[in-house]
Amino acid sequence: MDDKELIKRIMEEVKDEKLREELLRRVVKGEEKSVEKILKRIEHRLKAQDSLAKQEIMHGRTEKIAESEWWVDLIAAPLSYFVHTLIITGVFLFATYKGFEGFARIPKITLFLLGISWLLLIVIIIYAFIQAYFLLKGKKEYERRKKEEEELEK
């Protein structure tokens, strides 16, 4: 990249005046490689601001807290949904069995509600798998971006 293109890129991309002046001084001194490296870092940081992890950190969370929340979302929340729905269904089934003295006398509306509760349990299991998939996919993306940023820092 020649000096004119580099100067044009600096003027377009760099908003901070002190940084812009420093980069222009480096171009004049003939240090184009260091200027290009700095511009790559700036470009990468602008892209990384869209990352979910970066947004969480900007909202006052540390990386450790964001990681622990990720684990809770991955394991504890779906497990909690599953256990609560299973308990509610079991209590409903037990109450129905005891209330009607066996399954032969259960009214159809009760069986319908019991079927709905089991269907809800199946939906929650599917939801847990979908949530786990997207959380794992998001973690891979975060690790990829973090690795890119570390490589640019070198």
Protein backbone atom coordinates (compact mmCIF):
# COMPACT_ATOMS: atom_id res chain seq x y z
CA MET A 1 0.00 0.00 0.00
CA ASP A 2 1.49 3.33 -0.98
CA ASP A 3 1.59 6.43 1.22
CA LYS A 4 -1.39 8.19 -0.39
CA GLU A 5 -3.70 5.21 0.12
CA LEU A 6 -2.46 4.77 3.68
CA ILE A 7 -3.03 8.44 4.49
CA LYS A 8 -6.52 8.28 2.99
CA ARG A 9 -7.33 5.17 5.05
CA ILE A 10 -6.04 6.85 8.22
CA MET A 11 -8.18 9.92 7.60
CA GLU A 12 -11.31 7.79 7.04
CA GLU A 13 -10.95 5.18 9.76
CA VAL A 14 -9.25 6.91 12.69
CA LYS A 15 -11.54 9.20 14.66
CA ASP A 16 -9.15 10.10 17.50
CA GLU A 17 -7.10 13.15 16.47
CA LYS A 18 -4.02 12.34 18.57
CA LEU A 19 -3.85 8.82 17.17
CA ARG A 20 -4.39 10.17 13.65
CA GLU A 21 -1.50 12.61 14.06
CA GLU A 22 0.78 9.89 15.41
CA LEU A 23 -0.06 7.58 12.50
CA LEU A 24 0.54 10.33 9.97
CA ARG A 25 3.93 11.06 11.61
CA ARG A 26 4.83 7.38 11.26
CA VAL A 27 3.88 7.42 7.57
CA VAL A 28 6.15 10.42 7.04
CA LYS A 29 9.00 8.63 8.86
CA GLY A 30 8.54 5.59 6.61
CA GLU A 31 7.08 3.18 9.17
CA GLU A 32 4.20 1.98 6.99
CA LYS A 33 4.18 -1.58 8.36
CA SER A 34 3.55 -0.46 11.93
CA VAL A 35 0.77 1.86 10.72
CA GLU A 36 -0.88 -0.96 8.79
CA LYS A 37 -0.67 -3.20 11.85
CA ILE A 38 -2.30 -0.54 14.03
CA LEU A 39 -5.05 -0.01 11.44
CA LYS A 40 -5.71 -3.77 11.41
CA ARG A 41 -6.05 -3.73 15.19
CA ILE A 42 -8.49 -0.83 15.01
CA GLU A 43 -10.53 -2.60 12.34
CA HIS A 44 -10.57 -5.83 14.34
CA ARG A 45 -11.65 -4.05 17.52
CA LEU A 46 -14.51 -2.36 15.71
CA LYS A 47 -15.68 -5.77 14.48
CA ALA A 48 -15.29 -7.33 17.93
CA GLN A 49 -17.56 -4.77 19.56
CA ASP A 50 -20.53 -6.67 18.16
CA SER A 51 -19.50 -9.80 20.05
CA LEU A 52 -21.86 -10.84 22.83
CA ALA A 53 -19.03 -11.37 25.28
CA LYS A 54 -17.69 -7.87 24.59
CA GLN A 55 -21.17 -6.42 25.15
CA GLU A 56 -21.48 -8.23 28.48
CA ILE A 57 -18.08 -6.95 29.58
CA MET A 58 -19.06 -3.41 28.53
CA HIS A 59 -22.23 -3.65 30.66
CA GLY A 60 -20.17 -4.15 33.80
CA ARG A 61 -19.70 -7.89 33.81
CA THR A 62 -16.30 -9.43 34.05
CA GLU A 63 -15.28 -12.32 31.86
CA LYS A 64 -15.46 -14.71 34.84
CA ILE A 65 -19.05 -13.72 35.65
CA ALA A 66 -20.05 -14.02 32.00
CA GLU A 67 -18.50 -17.52 31.91
CA SER A 68 -20.34 -18.64 35.05
CA GLU A 69 -23.63 -17.30 33.65
CA TRP A 70 -22.91 -19.24 30.47
CA TRP A 71 -22.52 -22.48 32.45
CA VAL A 72 -25.76 -21.80 34.34
CA ASP A 73 -27.58 -21.20 31.06
CA LEU A 74 -26.07 -24.35 29.56
CA ILE A 75 -26.69 -26.82 32.38
CA ALA A 76 -28.65 -25.51 35.36
CA ALA A 77 -31.52 -23.72 33.62
CA PRO A 78 -32.58 -26.57 31.28
CA LEU A 79 -32.14 -29.09 34.10
CA SER A 80 -34.29 -26.94 36.37
CA TYR A 81 -37.03 -26.64 33.72
CA PHE A 82 -36.97 -30.39 33.20
CA VAL A 83 -37.07 -31.28 36.92
CA HIS A 84 -39.84 -28.80 37.74
CA THR A 85 -42.00 -29.97 34.86
CA LEU A 86 -41.37 -33.60 35.81
CA ILE A 87 -42.31 -32.91 39.44
CA ILE A 88 -45.47 -31.03 38.46
CA THR A 89 -46.47 -33.82 36.08
CA GLY A 90 -45.75 -36.46 38.72
CA VAL A 91 -47.78 -34.62 41.38
CA PHE A 92 -50.64 -34.19 38.91
CA LEU A 93 -50.48 -37.88 37.98
CA PHE A 94 -50.35 -38.98 41.65
CA ALA A 95 -53.26 -36.72 42.61
CA THR A 96 -55.28 -37.99 39.67
CA TYR A 97 -54.57 -41.62 40.55
CA LYS A 98 -55.44 -41.17 44.23
CA GLY A 99 -58.45 -38.95 43.53
CA PHE A 100 -60.10 -41.35 41.13
CA GLU A 101 -58.97 -44.60 42.81
CA GLY A 102 -57.16 -45.96 39.79
CA PHE A 103 -56.81 -45.10 36.13
CA ALA A 104 -60.08 -46.71 35.00
CA ARG A 105 -62.29 -43.92 36.35
CA ILE A 106 -60.23 -40.91 35.21
CA PRO A 107 -62.31 -38.42 33.18
CA LYS A 108 -61.17 -37.62 29.66
CA ILE A 109 -60.48 -33.97 30.45
CA THR A 110 -58.01 -35.05 33.14
CA LEU A 111 -56.28 -37.38 30.69
CA PHE A 112 -56.17 -34.51 28.20
CA LEU A 113 -54.50 -32.23 30.77
CA LEU A 114 -52.06 -35.00 31.67
CA GLY A 115 -51.18 -35.37 27.97
CA ILE A 116 -50.65 -31.61 27.69
CA SER A 117 -48.28 -31.70 30.68
CA TRP A 118 -46.25 -34.53 29.07
CA LEU A 119 -46.20 -32.62 25.80
CA LEU A 120 -44.89 -29.60 27.72
CA LEU A 121 -42.15 -31.80 29.15
CA ILE A 122 -41.12 -32.88 25.63
CA VAL A 123 -41.08 -29.26 24.43
CA ILE A 124 -38.87 -28.27 27.35
CA ILE A 125 -36.41 -31.06 26.53
CA ILE A 126 -36.26 -29.91 22.90
CA TYR A 127 -35.82 -26.31 24.06
CA ALA A 128 -32.92 -27.36 26.30
CA PHE A 129 -31.14 -29.04 23.38
CA ILE A 130 -31.64 -26.00 21.14
CA GLN A 131 -30.38 -23.66 23.88
CA ALA A 132 -27.32 -25.83 24.46
CA TYR A 133 -26.55 -25.88 20.73
CA PHE A 134 -26.62 -22.10 20.40
CA LEU A 135 -24.65 -21.56 23.61
CA LEU A 136 -21.91 -23.92 22.42
CA LYS A 137 -21.90 -22.28 18.99
CA GLY A 138 -21.60 -18.84 20.62
CA LYS A 139 -18.71 -20.01 22.78
CA LYS A 140 -16.82 -21.24 19.71
CA GLU A 141 -17.33 -17.86 18.04
CA TYR A 142 -16.15 -16.04 21.17
CA GLU A 143 -13.02 -18.20 21.43
CA ARG A 144 -12.27 -17.66 17.73
CA ARG A 145 -12.53 -13.89 18.11
CA LYS A 146 -10.46 -13.92 21.29
CA LYS A 147 -7.75 -15.92 19.51
CA GLU A 148 -7.76 -13.47 16.58
CA GLU A 149 -7.41 -10.56 18.99
CA GLU A 150 -4.49 -12.23 20.78
CA GLU A 151 -2.75 -12.82 17.44
CA LEU A 152 -3.19 -9.17 16.52
CA GLU A 153 -1.74 -8.11 19.84
CA LYS A 154 1.51 -9.94 19.06
